[in-house]
C-alpha atoms as a PDB file:
ATOM      1  CA  MET A   1     206.738  22.816 111.168  1.00  0.00           C
ATOM      2  CA  THR A   2     204.133  24.647 113.027  1.00  0.00           C
ATOM      3  CA  GLN A   3     202.268  27.906 112.707  1.00  0.00           C
ATOM      4  CA  THR A   4     200.860  29.519 116.013  1.00  0.00           C
ATOM      5  CA  LEU A   5     197.691  31.167 116.029  1.00  0.00           C
ATOM      6  CA  TYR A   6     196.917  34.309 118.377  1.00  0.00           C
ATOM      7  CA  VAL A   7     193.580  33.447 120.235  1.00  0.00           C
ATOM      8  CA  GLY A   8     192.159  36.954 121.844  1.00  0.00           C
ATOM      9  CA  ASN A   9     188.601  37.419 124.422  1.00  0.00           C
ATOM     10  CA  LEU A  10     189.518  33.783 126.177  1.00  0.00           C
ATOM     11  CA  PRO A  11     187.519  33.714 130.073  1.00  0.00           C
ATOM     12  CA  TRP A  12     189.529  35.323 132.486  1.00  0.00           C
ATOM     13  CA  ASN A  13     189.904  31.102 133.969  1.00  0.00           C
ATOM     14  CA  THR A  14     190.787  29.669 130.951  1.00  0.00           C
ATOM     15  CA  THR A  15     194.031  26.880 131.055  1.00  0.00           C
ATOM     16  CA  ALA A  16     195.967  26.266 128.457  1.00  0.00           C
ATOM     17  CA  GLU A  17     194.484  22.972 128.512  1.00  0.00           C
ATOM     18  CA  GLU A  18     191.292  23.536 128.373  1.00  0.00           C
ATOM     19  CA  LEU A  19     192.002  25.431 124.906  1.00  0.00           C
ATOM     20  CA  ALA A  20     193.950  23.049 123.193  1.00  0.00           C
ATOM     21  CA  ALA A  21     191.038  20.442 123.879  1.00  0.00           C
ATOM     22  CA  PHE A  22     188.826  23.527 122.432  1.00  0.00           C
ATOM     23  CA  PHE A  23     191.115  22.955 119.033  1.00  0.00           C
ATOM     24  CA  ARG A  24     191.823  19.738 119.043  1.00  0.00           C
ATOM     25  CA  ASP A  25     187.766  19.587 118.146  1.00  0.00           C
ATOM     26  CA  TYR A  26     188.675  21.012 115.327  1.00  0.00           C
ATOM     27  CA  GLY A  27     192.276  19.852 114.211  1.00  0.00           C
ATOM     28  CA  GLU A  28     195.505  18.696 115.072  1.00  0.00           C
ATOM     29  CA  VAL A  29     197.145  20.434 117.835  1.00  0.00           C
ATOM     30  CA  SER A  30     200.569  20.667 119.349  1.00  0.00           C
ATOM     31  CA  GLY A  31     201.477  23.029 122.134  1.00  0.00           C
ATOM     32  CA  SER A  32     198.609  26.124 123.540  1.00  0.00           C
ATOM     33  CA  ARG A  33     199.754  28.739 126.372  1.00  0.00           C
ATOM     34  CA  ILE A  34     197.762  30.979 128.010  1.00  0.00           C
ATOM     35  CA  ILE A  35     199.489  34.463 129.021  1.00  0.00           C
ATOM     36  CA  THR A  36     199.953  35.717 132.752  1.00  0.00           C
ATOM     37  CA  ASP A  37     200.193  39.250 134.433  1.00  0.00           C
ATOM     38  CA  ARG A  38     203.811  38.586 135.112  1.00  0.00           C
ATOM     39  CA  GLU A  39     203.697  40.492 138.694  1.00  0.00           C
ATOM     40  CA  THR A  40     199.749  38.553 139.953  1.00  0.00           C
ATOM     41  CA  GLY A  41     200.518  35.414 137.583  1.00  0.00           C
ATOM     42  CA  ARG A  42     196.754  36.111 136.037  1.00  0.00           C
ATOM     43  CA  SER A  43     195.510  35.073 132.629  1.00  0.00           C
ATOM     44  CA  ARG A  44     195.879  38.196 130.539  1.00  0.00           C
ATOM     45  CA  GLY A  45     192.614  37.090 128.397  1.00  0.00           C
ATOM     46  CA  PHE A  46     195.068  35.749 125.555  1.00  0.00           C
ATOM     47  CA  GLY A  47     197.010  32.977 124.009  1.00  0.00           C
ATOM     48  CA  PHE A  48     198.254  30.891 121.626  1.00  0.00           C
ATOM     49  CA  VAL A  49     197.694  27.701 119.622  1.00  0.00           C
ATOM     50  CA  GLU A  50     200.561  25.383 117.805  1.00  0.00           C
ATOM     51  CA  VAL A  51     198.904  24.172 114.884  1.00  0.00           C
ATOM     52  CA  PRO A  52     200.253  22.011 111.487  1.00  0.00           C
ATOM     53  CA  ASP A  53     201.645  24.344 108.416  1.00  0.00           C
ATOM     54  CA  GLY A  54     199.381  25.097 105.823  1.00  0.00           C
ATOM     55  CA  GLU A  55     196.260  24.378 109.288  1.00  0.00           C
ATOM     56  CA  ALA A  56     196.605  27.756 110.380  1.00  0.00           C
ATOM     57  CA  ALA A  57     194.421  29.943 108.449  1.00  0.00           C
ATOM     58  CA  ARG A  58     191.750  27.349 108.094  1.00  0.00           C
ATOM     59  CA  LEU A  59     191.351  27.200 111.391  1.00  0.00           C
ATOM     60  CA  ALA A  60     191.454  30.862 112.141  1.00  0.00           C
ATOM     61  CA  GLU A  61     188.927  31.711 109.899  1.00  0.00           C
ATOM     62  CA  GLU A  62     185.979  28.748 111.192  1.00  0.00           C
ATOM     63  CA  LEU A  63     187.144  29.466 114.913  1.00  0.00           C
ATOM     64  CA  ASN A  64     186.895  33.822 114.920  1.00  0.00           C
ATOM     65  CA  GLY A  65     183.832  34.346 116.795  1.00  0.00           C
ATOM     66  CA  LYS A  66     183.488  30.910 117.521  1.00  0.00           C
ATOM     67  CA  ASP A  67     182.435  30.422 121.323  1.00  0.00           C
ATOM     68  CA  PHE A  68     184.169  29.366 124.090  1.00  0.00           C
ATOM     69  CA  GLY A  69     183.603  30.411 127.897  1.00  0.00           C
ATOM     70  CA  GLY A  70     180.262  32.224 126.590  1.00  0.00           C
ATOM     71  CA  ARG A  71     182.937  34.763 124.544  1.00  0.00           C
ATOM     72  CA  PRO A  72     183.428  35.035 121.417  1.00  0.00           C
ATOM     73  CA  LEU A  73     187.315  34.492 120.535  1.00  0.00           C
ATOM     74  CA  THR A  74     189.437  36.242 118.271  1.00  0.00           C
ATOM     75  CA  VAL A  75     191.284  33.570 116.265  1.00  0.00           C
ATOM     76  CA  ASN A  76     194.015  34.714 113.364  1.00  0.00           C
ATOM     77  CA  GLU A  77     197.966  34.578 112.544  1.00  0.00           C
ATOM     78  CA  ALA A  78     199.831  35.153 115.276  1.00  0.00           C
ATOM     79  CA  LYS A  79     202.294  38.095 113.734  1.00  0.00           C
ATOM     80  CA  PRO A  80     206.660  37.920 115.232  1.00  0.00           C
ATOM     81  CA  LYS A  81     206.680  39.306 117.800  1.00  0.00           C
ATOM     82  CA  GLN A  82     208.745  43.091 117.755  1.00  0.00           C
ATOM     83  CA  PHE A  83     211.294  43.745 119.912  1.00  0.00           C
END
């Protein structure tokens, strides 16, 4: 099973591959995605990274505030989508 981390305050030009590579330096990553605006296709400045169960809390604590592309990341466990 995996857990999902919310990653905010990303530089606008960040790719899903760059985000996954950054997180792989700290632990196993099973997937990542950058959220884009539906109309323009541009990044909205946040994304999600999937990590193994039990790793999410450690990674969130370790990487929250860590510099990525000159910006301090906001990292926490993702909340379920509200409809």
